[in-house]
């Protein structure tokens, strides 16, 4: 049926045999090698040549890292409009995570990662640990070779210590940096056994 639409520009409504002429242009996209599929006999050759009139090759997201901040901002704003949570933005650390990840699922995976982050985030700012484990674990395995067992809890602890060190132990200012409440900072300090003077262990 699709081939007939492309060749004759004619469609039929369900339950109706009368042809309806249309004036339309088909834009199709795939992450598969259709030429190879044709050679393997897994894709119709006649359909391939009908849709492959003006091919446009879009590089994978990992090869256009400069697009990630723009896409991230777009997805953030789009999801924010549909979400009742008062999430104000993305931390610099979270953006660094997005920029360092390979994104095998390309733009769709990036969008899904933001949808996941909005579900898990209970703070004012999205942090690295709010993204799916597939994203955070890949980043940790690359950037933390000295400590490959570093997990999401360790990441929270490390960020908290860094925030406290940068503010001279001021819990209120550390809370602002992390986009969380002062009570949350206090609870995490208690949970991880952190004092305001504690430094990150090597």
N, C-alpha and C. Protein backbone atom coordinates (compact mmCIF):
# COMPACT_ATOMS: atom_id res chain seq x y z
N UNK A 1 0.82 -1.21 0.00
CA UNK A 1 0.00 0.00 0.00
C UNK A 1 0.86 1.26 0.00
N UNK A 2 1.93 1.25 0.77
CA UNK A 2 2.81 2.41 0.81
C UNK A 2 3.43 2.66 -0.55
N UNK A 3 3.82 1.58 -1.23
CA UNK A 3 4.42 1.72 -2.55
C UNK A 3 3.43 2.34 -3.53
N UNK A 4 2.17 1.96 -3.44
CA UNK A 4 1.15 2.53 -4.32
C UNK A 4 0.97 4.02 -4.05
N UNK A 5 1.00 4.38 -2.77
CA UNK A 5 0.88 5.80 -2.42
C UNK A 5 2.03 6.59 -3.04
N UNK A 6 3.23 6.05 -2.95
CA UNK A 6 4.40 6.74 -3.49
C UNK A 6 4.38 6.81 -5.00
N UNK A 7 3.92 5.75 -5.66
CA UNK A 7 3.95 5.70 -7.11
C UNK A 7 2.78 6.44 -7.74
N UNK A 8 1.57 6.22 -7.21
CA UNK A 8 0.37 6.75 -7.84
C UNK A 8 -0.23 7.94 -7.10
N UNK A 9 0.27 8.21 -5.90
CA UNK A 9 -0.27 9.30 -5.06
C UNK A 9 -1.77 9.14 -4.87
N UNK A 10 -2.16 7.93 -4.53
CA UNK A 10 -3.57 7.60 -4.34
C UNK A 10 -3.72 6.81 -3.04
N UNK A 11 -4.76 7.14 -2.27
CA UNK A 11 -5.08 6.39 -1.06
C UNK A 11 -6.55 6.00 -1.08
N UNK A 12 -6.92 5.07 -0.22
CA UNK A 12 -8.32 4.67 -0.08
C UNK A 12 -8.67 4.63 1.40
N UNK A 13 -9.83 5.19 1.74
CA UNK A 13 -10.28 5.13 3.13
C UNK A 13 -10.65 3.69 3.49
N UNK A 14 -10.58 3.38 4.77
CA UNK A 14 -10.96 2.05 5.24
C UNK A 14 -12.44 1.81 4.94
N UNK A 15 -12.72 0.71 4.25
CA UNK A 15 -14.10 0.38 3.91
C UNK A 15 -14.62 1.09 2.68
N UNK A 16 -13.76 1.79 1.97
CA UNK A 16 -14.17 2.54 0.77
C UNK A 16 -13.21 2.21 -0.36
N UNK A 17 -13.74 1.87 -1.52
CA UNK A 17 -12.91 1.50 -2.66
C UNK A 17 -12.62 2.67 -3.58
N UNK A 18 -13.16 3.84 -3.28
CA UNK A 18 -12.94 4.99 -4.15
C UNK A 18 -11.55 5.58 -3.91
N UNK A 19 -10.76 5.74 -4.97
CA UNK A 19 -9.42 6.30 -4.81
C UNK A 19 -9.46 7.80 -4.53
N UNK A 20 -8.57 8.24 -3.66
CA UNK A 20 -8.46 9.66 -3.33
C UNK A 20 -7.05 10.11 -3.70
N UNK A 21 -6.97 11.07 -4.60
CA UNK A 21 -5.66 11.56 -5.02
C UNK A 21 -5.13 12.57 -3.99
N UNK A 22 -3.87 12.44 -3.69
CA UNK A 22 -3.25 13.31 -2.70
C UNK A 22 -1.99 13.96 -3.27
N UNK A 23 -1.63 15.09 -2.68
CA UNK A 23 -0.38 15.76 -3.02
C UNK A 23 0.45 15.82 -1.75
N UNK A 24 1.36 14.90 -1.61
CA UNK A 24 2.11 14.79 -0.35
C UNK A 24 3.56 14.45 -0.62
N UNK A 25 4.39 14.77 0.34
CA UNK A 25 5.80 14.41 0.30
C UNK A 25 6.09 13.55 1.52
N UNK A 26 6.80 12.48 1.30
CA UNK A 26 7.11 11.55 2.39
C UNK A 26 8.52 11.81 2.91
N UNK A 27 8.62 12.04 4.22
CA UNK A 27 9.92 12.18 4.88
C UNK A 27 10.08 10.99 5.83
N UNK A 28 11.06 10.17 5.58
CA UNK A 28 11.26 8.98 6.40
C UNK A 28 12.64 9.01 7.04
N UNK A 29 12.77 8.32 8.16
CA UNK A 29 14.05 8.29 8.88
C UNK A 29 14.29 6.89 9.42
N UNK A 30 15.54 6.53 9.54
CA UNK A 30 15.90 5.23 10.08
C UNK A 30 17.32 5.27 10.63
N UNK A 31 17.59 4.39 11.57
CA UNK A 31 18.96 4.24 12.06
C UNK A 31 19.60 2.95 11.53
N UNK A 32 18.93 2.35 10.55
CA UNK A 32 19.43 1.13 9.93
C UNK A 32 20.03 1.44 8.56
N UNK A 33 20.89 0.55 8.09
CA UNK A 33 21.47 0.66 6.76
C UNK A 33 20.53 -0.03 5.77
N UNK A 34 19.63 0.75 5.14
CA UNK A 34 18.63 0.15 4.27
C UNK A 34 19.25 -0.50 3.04
N UNK A 35 20.32 0.10 2.53
CA UNK A 35 20.98 -0.48 1.36
C UNK A 35 21.47 -1.89 1.68
N UNK A 36 22.02 -2.05 2.85
CA UNK A 36 22.50 -3.37 3.27
C UNK A 36 21.33 -4.33 3.47
N UNK A 37 20.23 -3.82 4.01
CA UNK A 37 19.04 -4.66 4.21
C UNK A 37 18.47 -5.12 2.88
N UNK A 38 18.53 -4.24 1.87
CA UNK A 38 18.06 -4.61 0.53
C UNK A 38 18.92 -5.75 -0.02
N UNK A 39 20.22 -5.62 0.14
CA UNK A 39 21.14 -6.65 -0.36
C UNK A 39 20.94 -7.98 0.36
N UNK A 40 20.50 -7.90 1.62
CA UNK A 40 20.26 -9.12 2.40
C UNK A 40 18.87 -9.70 2.14
N UNK A 41 18.05 -8.94 1.40
CA UNK A 41 16.70 -9.40 1.12
C UNK A 41 15.71 -9.12 2.23
N UNK A 42 16.07 -8.23 3.16
CA UNK A 42 15.21 -7.91 4.29
C UNK A 42 14.41 -6.62 4.10
N UNK A 43 14.61 -5.93 2.98
CA UNK A 43 13.86 -4.70 2.70
C UNK A 43 13.60 -4.65 1.20
N UNK A 44 12.39 -4.24 0.83
CA UNK A 44 12.01 -4.23 -0.59
C UNK A 44 12.84 -3.23 -1.38
N UNK A 45 13.43 -3.70 -2.46
CA UNK A 45 14.29 -2.85 -3.27
C UNK A 45 13.51 -1.73 -3.94
N UNK A 46 12.30 -2.04 -4.46
CA UNK A 46 11.51 -1.01 -5.13
C UNK A 46 11.09 0.09 -4.16
N UNK A 47 10.76 -0.29 -2.93
CA UNK A 47 10.39 0.71 -1.93
C UNK A 47 11.60 1.55 -1.54
N UNK A 48 12.75 0.91 -1.43
CA UNK A 48 13.98 1.63 -1.08
C UNK A 48 14.26 2.76 -2.07
N UNK A 49 14.18 2.47 -3.36
CA UNK A 49 14.50 3.50 -4.35
C UNK A 49 13.41 4.57 -4.44
N UNK A 50 12.21 4.24 -4.00
CA UNK A 50 11.15 5.25 -3.98
C UNK A 50 11.36 6.27 -2.85
N UNK A 51 11.84 5.81 -1.72
CA UNK A 51 12.00 6.73 -0.59
C UNK A 51 13.39 7.33 -0.51
N UNK A 52 14.33 6.76 -1.26
CA UNK A 52 15.73 7.21 -1.19
C UNK A 52 16.03 8.22 -2.30
N UNK A 53 15.15 9.21 -2.44
CA UNK A 53 15.31 10.21 -3.51
C UNK A 53 16.38 11.23 -3.14
N UNK A 54 16.23 11.85 -1.99
CA UNK A 54 17.21 12.83 -1.52
C UNK A 54 17.66 12.41 -0.12
N UNK A 55 18.64 11.54 -0.04
CA UNK A 55 19.10 11.09 1.29
C UNK A 55 19.90 12.16 2.02
N UNK A 56 19.64 12.30 3.29
CA UNK A 56 20.38 13.24 4.14
C UNK A 56 20.97 12.45 5.30
N UNK A 57 22.27 12.42 5.37
CA UNK A 57 22.94 11.67 6.43
C UNK A 57 23.16 12.58 7.65
N UNK A 58 22.57 12.21 8.77
CA UNK A 58 22.72 12.97 10.01
C UNK A 58 23.70 12.22 10.91
N UNK A 59 24.81 12.86 11.28
CA UNK A 59 25.79 12.18 12.14
C UNK A 59 25.17 11.80 13.48
N UNK A 60 25.64 10.73 14.10
CA UNK A 60 25.14 10.35 15.43
C UNK A 60 25.43 11.45 16.44
N UNK A 61 24.67 11.46 17.51
CA UNK A 61 24.78 12.52 18.51
C UNK A 61 26.18 12.60 19.12
N UNK A 62 26.84 11.48 19.24
CA UNK A 62 28.19 11.47 19.83
C UNK A 62 29.20 12.23 18.97
N UNK A 63 28.87 12.43 17.68
CA UNK A 63 29.77 13.15 16.78
C UNK A 63 29.40 14.63 16.65
N UNK A 64 28.34 15.05 17.30
CA UNK A 64 27.96 16.47 17.31
C UNK A 64 27.61 16.89 18.74
N UNK A 65 28.62 16.80 19.57
CA UNK A 65 28.46 17.09 21.00
C UNK A 65 27.96 18.51 21.23
N UNK A 66 28.31 19.42 20.32
CA UNK A 66 27.88 20.80 20.47
C UNK A 66 26.38 20.98 20.42
N UNK A 67 25.66 19.99 19.88
CA UNK A 67 24.20 20.07 19.82
C UNK A 67 23.54 19.67 21.13
N UNK A 68 24.27 18.97 21.99
CA UNK A 68 23.67 18.42 23.21
C UNK A 68 23.10 19.50 24.13
N UNK A 69 23.82 20.61 24.42
CA UNK A 69 23.22 21.64 25.28
C UNK A 69 21.93 22.22 24.71
N UNK A 70 21.87 22.42 23.39
CA UNK A 70 20.66 22.95 22.76
C UNK A 70 19.52 21.96 22.86
N UNK A 71 19.79 20.70 22.58
CA UNK A 71 18.76 19.67 22.69
C UNK A 71 18.33 19.49 24.13
N UNK A 72 19.29 19.52 25.04
CA UNK A 72 18.98 19.36 26.46
C UNK A 72 18.05 20.48 26.95
N UNK A 73 18.35 21.70 26.54
CA UNK A 73 17.52 22.84 26.93
C UNK A 73 16.12 22.70 26.36
N UNK A 74 16.03 22.26 25.11
CA UNK A 74 14.73 22.09 24.47
C UNK A 74 13.90 21.02 25.17
N UNK A 75 14.50 19.87 25.44
CA UNK A 75 13.79 18.79 26.12
C UNK A 75 13.40 19.20 27.53
N UNK A 76 14.30 19.91 28.22
CA UNK A 76 14.01 20.35 29.59
C UNK A 76 12.78 21.25 29.60
N UNK A 77 12.75 22.24 28.72
CA UNK A 77 11.62 23.18 28.69
C UNK A 77 10.33 22.48 28.29
N UNK A 78 10.42 21.56 27.33
CA UNK A 78 9.22 20.85 26.87
C UNK A 78 8.62 20.00 27.98
N UNK A 79 9.47 19.24 28.68
CA UNK A 79 8.99 18.38 29.75
C UNK A 79 8.55 19.20 30.95
N UNK A 80 9.23 20.30 31.20
CA UNK A 80 8.89 21.17 32.33
C UNK A 80 7.48 21.72 32.20
N UNK A 81 7.06 22.04 30.98
CA UNK A 81 5.73 22.58 30.75
C UNK A 81 4.64 21.57 31.09
N UNK A 82 4.94 20.29 30.95
CA UNK A 82 3.95 19.24 31.21
C UNK A 82 4.07 18.68 32.62
N UNK A 83 5.03 19.16 33.39
CA UNK A 83 5.31 18.60 34.70
C UNK A 83 4.98 19.60 35.80
N UNK A 84 4.42 19.10 36.89
CA UNK A 84 4.04 19.98 38.00
C UNK A 84 5.19 20.26 38.96
N UNK A 85 6.29 19.54 38.82
CA UNK A 85 7.43 19.76 39.69
C UNK A 85 8.09 21.10 39.38
N UNK A 86 8.58 21.76 40.42
CA UNK A 86 9.25 23.05 40.24
C UNK A 86 10.76 22.84 40.12
N UNK A 87 11.14 22.22 39.03
CA UNK A 87 12.56 22.00 38.74
C UNK A 87 13.05 23.18 37.92
N UNK A 88 14.08 23.86 38.42
CA UNK A 88 14.49 25.14 37.84
C UNK A 88 15.54 25.02 36.74
N UNK A 89 16.32 23.93 36.74
CA UNK A 89 17.37 23.85 35.73
C UNK A 89 18.21 22.60 35.85
N UNK A 90 19.35 22.62 35.16
CA UNK A 90 20.28 21.50 35.12
C UNK A 90 21.62 21.96 35.68
N UNK A 91 22.20 21.18 36.56
CA UNK A 91 23.50 21.56 37.13
C UNK A 91 24.60 21.43 36.09
N UNK A 92 25.70 22.13 36.32
CA UNK A 92 26.85 22.05 35.41
C UNK A 92 27.39 20.62 35.35
N UNK A 93 27.37 19.94 36.49
CA UNK A 93 27.86 18.56 36.53
C UNK A 93 26.98 17.64 35.68
N UNK A 94 25.66 17.89 35.72
CA UNK A 94 24.75 17.08 34.91
C UNK A 94 24.99 17.32 33.43
N UNK A 95 25.23 18.58 33.06
CA UNK A 95 25.50 18.88 31.65
C UNK A 95 26.80 18.23 31.20
N UNK A 96 27.81 18.24 32.08
CA UNK A 96 29.08 17.57 31.75
C UNK A 96 28.86 16.08 31.53
N UNK A 97 27.98 15.49 32.32
CA UNK A 97 27.65 14.08 32.15
C UNK A 97 27.04 13.83 30.78
N UNK A 98 26.09 14.68 30.40
CA UNK A 98 25.43 14.53 29.11
C UNK A 98 26.41 14.69 27.96
N UNK A 99 27.36 15.61 28.13
CA UNK A 99 28.34 15.87 27.07
C UNK A 99 29.34 14.73 26.93
N UNK A 100 29.56 13.98 28.00
CA UNK A 100 30.59 12.93 27.98
C UNK A 100 30.04 11.57 27.58
N UNK A 101 28.72 11.42 27.59
CA UNK A 101 28.10 10.13 27.28
C UNK A 101 28.03 9.92 25.76
N UNK A 102 28.12 8.68 25.31
CA UNK A 102 28.19 8.38 23.87
C UNK A 102 26.83 8.39 23.17
N UNK A 103 25.73 8.24 23.89
CA UNK A 103 24.37 8.27 23.34
C UNK A 103 24.19 7.31 22.17
N UNK A 104 24.30 6.00 22.42
CA UNK A 104 24.06 5.03 21.34
C UNK A 104 22.64 5.10 20.79
N UNK A 105 21.69 5.56 21.62
CA UNK A 105 20.31 5.71 21.16
C UNK A 105 20.01 7.07 20.57
N UNK A 106 21.06 7.90 20.43
CA UNK A 106 20.95 9.22 19.81
C UNK A 106 19.92 10.11 20.51
N UNK A 107 19.22 10.95 19.74
CA UNK A 107 18.35 11.98 20.32
C UNK A 107 17.21 11.36 21.13
N UNK A 108 16.68 10.24 20.67
CA UNK A 108 15.59 9.59 21.41
C UNK A 108 16.04 9.20 22.82
N UNK A 109 17.26 8.71 22.93
CA UNK A 109 17.77 8.31 24.24
C UNK A 109 17.96 9.52 25.14
N UNK A 110 18.41 10.63 24.56
CA UNK A 110 18.59 11.86 25.34
C UNK A 110 17.26 12.35 25.88
N UNK A 111 16.23 12.32 25.05
CA UNK A 111 14.90 12.74 25.50
C UNK A 111 14.39 11.82 26.60
N UNK A 112 14.56 10.52 26.42
CA UNK A 112 14.12 9.56 27.44
C UNK A 112 14.86 9.78 28.75
N UNK A 113 16.15 10.14 28.66
CA UNK A 113 16.94 10.38 29.86
C UNK A 113 16.37 11.56 30.65
N UNK A 114 15.91 12.59 29.95
CA UNK A 114 15.33 13.74 30.63
C UNK A 114 13.98 13.39 31.25
N UNK A 115 13.20 12.58 30.57
CA UNK A 115 11.93 12.15 31.14
C UNK A 115 12.17 11.35 32.42
N UNK A 116 13.21 10.52 32.42
CA UNK A 116 13.59 9.75 33.61
C UNK A 116 14.02 10.70 34.72
N UNK A 117 14.84 11.69 34.37
CA UNK A 117 15.35 12.63 35.37
C UNK A 117 14.23 13.40 36.05
N UNK A 118 13.21 13.79 35.29
CA UNK A 118 12.10 14.54 35.87
C UNK A 118 11.31 13.68 36.85
N UNK A 119 11.29 12.38 36.63
CA UNK A 119 10.58 11.48 37.54
C UNK A 119 11.37 11.30 38.83
N UNK A 120 12.69 11.13 38.72
CA UNK A 120 13.51 10.83 39.89
C UNK A 120 13.93 12.07 40.67
N UNK A 121 13.94 13.23 40.04
CA UNK A 121 14.42 14.44 40.70
C UNK A 121 13.40 14.96 41.71
N UNK A 122 13.84 15.13 42.94
CA UNK A 122 13.02 15.71 44.00
C UNK A 122 13.65 17.01 44.50
N UNK A 123 14.50 17.60 43.69
CA UNK A 123 15.23 18.80 44.07
C UNK A 123 14.91 19.92 43.09
N UNK A 124 15.54 21.08 43.28
CA UNK A 124 15.29 22.22 42.40
C UNK A 124 16.10 22.14 41.12
N UNK A 125 17.20 21.41 41.16
CA UNK A 125 18.10 21.33 40.02
C UNK A 125 18.40 19.87 39.71
N UNK A 126 18.37 19.51 38.44
CA UNK A 126 18.69 18.14 38.03
C UNK A 126 20.19 17.90 38.18
N UNK A 127 20.53 16.84 38.89
CA UNK A 127 21.92 16.46 39.13
C UNK A 127 22.26 15.20 38.31
N UNK A 128 23.54 14.87 38.18
CA UNK A 128 23.92 13.68 37.40
C UNK A 128 23.22 12.40 37.85
N UNK A 129 23.06 12.23 39.17
CA UNK A 129 22.48 10.99 39.68
C UNK A 129 20.98 10.86 39.42
N UNK A 130 20.36 11.89 38.84
CA UNK A 130 18.95 11.80 38.48
C UNK A 130 18.74 11.11 37.14
N UNK A 131 19.80 10.97 36.36
CA UNK A 131 19.69 10.35 35.04
C UNK A 131 19.76 8.83 35.16
N UNK A 132 19.35 8.11 34.13
CA UNK A 132 19.32 6.64 34.20
C UNK A 132 20.69 6.04 34.50
N UNK A 133 20.72 4.90 35.17
CA UNK A 133 22.00 4.23 35.47
C UNK A 133 22.82 3.94 34.21
N UNK A 134 22.16 3.68 33.09
CA UNK A 134 22.91 3.42 31.85
C UNK A 134 23.79 4.60 31.48
N UNK A 135 23.32 5.81 31.81
CA UNK A 135 24.08 7.02 31.50
C UNK A 135 25.14 7.28 32.55
N UNK A 136 24.75 7.25 33.82
CA UNK A 136 25.69 7.57 34.90
C UNK A 136 26.77 6.51 35.05
N UNK A 137 26.39 5.24 34.91
CA UNK A 137 27.38 4.17 35.07
C UNK A 137 28.43 4.21 33.98
N UNK A 138 28.02 4.55 32.75
CA UNK A 138 28.97 4.65 31.65
C UNK A 138 29.96 5.77 31.91
N UNK A 139 29.47 6.90 32.43
CA UNK A 139 30.35 8.03 32.72
C UNK A 139 31.31 7.71 33.84
N UNK A 140 30.81 7.02 34.86
CA UNK A 140 31.66 6.68 36.00
C UNK A 140 32.76 5.71 35.60
N UNK A 141 32.43 4.77 34.72
CA UNK A 141 33.43 3.77 34.32
C UNK A 141 34.56 4.40 33.53
N UNK A 142 34.28 5.54 32.88
CA UNK A 142 35.31 6.22 32.09
C UNK A 142 36.10 7.20 32.94
N UNK A 143 35.41 7.97 33.79
CA UNK A 143 36.06 9.06 34.50
C UNK A 143 36.59 8.67 35.87
N UNK A 144 36.19 7.52 36.38
CA UNK A 144 36.62 7.13 37.72
C UNK A 144 37.32 5.79 37.70
N UNK A 145 38.35 5.68 36.86
CA UNK A 145 39.07 4.42 36.73
C UNK A 145 39.77 4.02 38.02
N UNK A 146 40.11 5.01 38.88
CA UNK A 146 40.75 4.69 40.14
C UNK A 146 39.77 4.09 41.13
N UNK A 147 38.49 4.32 40.91
CA UNK A 147 37.48 3.79 41.80
C UNK A 147 36.30 3.30 40.98
N UNK A 148 36.41 2.16 40.29
CA UNK A 148 35.35 1.69 39.42
C UNK A 148 34.08 1.29 40.14
N UNK A 149 34.15 1.14 41.48
CA UNK A 149 32.96 0.75 42.23
C UNK A 149 32.14 1.95 42.69
N UNK A 150 32.55 3.15 42.28
CA UNK A 150 31.82 4.35 42.67
C UNK A 150 30.38 4.25 42.18
N UNK A 151 29.42 4.42 43.06
CA UNK A 151 28.03 4.31 42.67
C UNK A 151 27.31 5.63 42.84
N UNK A 152 25.99 5.61 42.65
CA UNK A 152 25.22 6.85 42.67
C UNK A 152 25.24 7.51 44.05
N UNK A 153 25.24 6.71 45.11
CA UNK A 153 25.31 7.27 46.45
C UNK A 153 26.66 7.95 46.67
N UNK A 154 27.72 7.33 46.16
CA UNK A 154 29.05 7.93 46.27
C UNK A 154 29.11 9.26 45.52
N UNK A 155 28.41 9.31 44.38
CA UNK A 155 28.39 10.54 43.60
C UNK A 155 27.72 11.67 44.38
N UNK A 156 26.59 11.36 45.04
CA UNK A 156 25.91 12.36 45.86
C UNK A 156 26.83 12.84 46.98
N UNK A 157 27.50 11.89 47.61
CA UNK A 157 28.39 12.23 48.72
C UNK A 157 29.52 13.13 48.24
N UNK A 158 30.12 12.79 47.12
CA UNK A 158 31.23 13.57 46.58
C UNK A 158 30.78 15.00 46.24
N UNK A 159 29.61 15.13 45.61
CA UNK A 159 29.12 16.46 45.25
C UNK A 159 28.81 17.29 46.49
N UNK A 160 28.28 16.64 47.52
CA UNK A 160 27.97 17.35 48.75
C UNK A 160 29.25 17.87 49.41
N UNK A 161 30.28 17.03 49.47
CA UNK A 161 31.54 17.45 50.08
C UNK A 161 32.16 18.60 49.29
N UNK A 162 32.11 18.50 47.96
CA UNK A 162 32.67 19.57 47.13
C UNK A 162 31.93 20.88 47.35
N UNK A 163 30.60 20.80 47.48
CA UNK A 163 29.81 22.01 47.71
C UNK A 163 30.14 22.62 49.06
N UNK A 164 30.30 21.79 50.08
CA UNK A 164 30.64 22.28 51.42
C UNK A 164 32.03 22.89 51.44
N UNK A 165 32.96 22.27 50.73
CA UNK A 165 34.32 22.81 50.68
C UNK A 165 34.35 24.16 49.98
N UNK A 166 33.57 24.28 48.90
CA UNK A 166 33.59 25.53 48.14
C UNK A 166 32.91 26.68 48.88
N UNK A 167 32.08 26.34 49.88
CA UNK A 167 31.38 27.37 50.64
C UNK A 167 31.93 27.53 52.05
N UNK A 168 33.06 26.88 52.32
CA UNK A 168 33.64 26.98 53.66
C UNK A 168 32.78 26.33 54.72
N UNK A 169 32.00 25.32 54.34
CA UNK A 169 31.17 24.62 55.31
C UNK A 169 29.80 25.24 55.51
N UNK A 170 29.45 26.26 54.74
CA UNK A 170 28.15 26.92 54.87
C UNK A 170 27.07 26.03 54.25
N UNK A 171 26.23 25.46 55.08
CA UNK A 171 25.23 24.51 54.60
C UNK A 171 24.15 25.17 53.74
N UNK A 172 23.79 26.39 54.06
CA UNK A 172 22.77 27.09 53.28
C UNK A 172 23.25 27.37 51.87
N UNK A 173 24.49 27.83 51.74
CA UNK A 173 25.05 28.10 50.41
C UNK A 173 25.29 26.81 49.64
N UNK A 174 25.70 25.76 50.34
CA UNK A 174 25.88 24.46 49.69
C UNK A 174 24.55 23.95 49.15
N UNK A 175 23.48 24.18 49.91
CA UNK A 175 22.15 23.77 49.47
C UNK A 175 21.75 24.50 48.19
N UNK A 176 22.09 25.79 48.11
CA UNK A 176 21.78 26.57 46.91
C UNK A 176 22.54 26.04 45.70
N UNK A 177 23.80 25.69 45.89
CA UNK A 177 24.61 25.17 44.80
C UNK A 177 24.03 23.85 44.27
N UNK A 178 23.60 23.00 45.19
CA UNK A 178 23.09 21.68 44.81
C UNK A 178 21.62 21.70 44.40
N UNK A 179 20.95 22.82 44.67
CA UNK A 179 19.54 22.91 44.33
C UNK A 179 18.65 22.07 45.23
N UNK A 180 19.07 21.93 46.49
CA UNK A 180 18.28 21.17 47.46
C UNK A 180 18.08 22.03 48.70
N UNK A 181 17.26 21.54 49.63
CA UNK A 181 16.99 22.31 50.84
C UNK A 181 18.12 22.13 51.85
N UNK A 182 18.19 23.06 52.81
CA UNK A 182 19.21 22.97 53.85
C UNK A 182 18.99 21.72 54.70
N UNK A 183 17.72 21.35 54.89
CA UNK A 183 17.41 20.14 55.66
C UNK A 183 17.96 18.90 54.96
N UNK A 184 17.83 18.88 53.62
CA UNK A 184 18.36 17.74 52.86
C UNK A 184 19.87 17.67 52.98
N UNK A 185 20.53 18.83 52.95
CA UNK A 185 21.98 18.87 53.14
C UNK A 185 22.34 18.28 54.50
N UNK A 186 21.64 18.71 55.52
CA UNK A 186 21.92 18.23 56.88
C UNK A 186 21.71 16.72 56.98
N UNK A 187 20.60 16.23 56.39
CA UNK A 187 20.30 14.80 56.43
C UNK A 187 21.37 13.98 55.71
N UNK A 188 21.85 14.49 54.57
CA UNK A 188 22.88 13.76 53.83
C UNK A 188 24.21 13.79 54.57
N UNK A 189 24.51 14.91 55.21
CA UNK A 189 25.74 14.98 56.01
C UNK A 189 25.70 13.94 57.13
N UNK A 190 24.55 13.80 57.75
CA UNK A 190 24.40 12.83 58.82
C UNK A 190 24.49 11.41 58.28
N UNK A 191 23.86 11.17 57.12
CA UNK A 191 23.84 9.83 56.53
C UNK A 191 25.24 9.38 56.12
N UNK A 192 26.01 10.32 55.54
CA UNK A 192 27.34 9.96 55.03
C UNK A 192 28.45 10.20 56.06
N UNK A 193 28.09 10.68 57.25
CA UNK A 193 29.10 10.93 58.27
C UNK A 193 30.03 12.06 57.90
N UNK A 194 29.48 13.12 57.32
CA UNK A 194 30.28 14.25 56.84
C UNK A 194 30.19 15.40 57.84
N UNK A 195 31.33 16.01 58.13
CA UNK A 195 31.35 17.26 58.88
C UNK A 195 31.71 18.37 57.92
N UNK A 196 31.45 19.61 58.29
CA UNK A 196 31.69 20.74 57.40
C UNK A 196 33.16 20.88 57.04
N UNK A 197 34.05 20.33 57.88
CA UNK A 197 35.48 20.49 57.64
C UNK A 197 36.07 19.30 56.87
N UNK A 198 35.24 18.27 56.63
CA UNK A 198 35.78 17.05 56.03
C UNK A 198 36.17 17.27 54.57
N UNK A 199 37.27 16.69 54.19
CA UNK A 199 37.76 16.81 52.82
C UNK A 199 37.48 15.50 52.07
N UNK A 200 37.52 15.56 50.76
CA UNK A 200 37.33 14.36 49.96
C UNK A 200 38.56 13.48 50.07
N UNK A 201 38.32 12.24 50.41
CA UNK A 201 39.44 11.31 50.50
C UNK A 201 39.93 10.94 49.11
N UNK A 202 41.20 10.79 48.96
CA UNK A 202 41.76 10.39 47.67
C UNK A 202 41.51 8.91 47.44
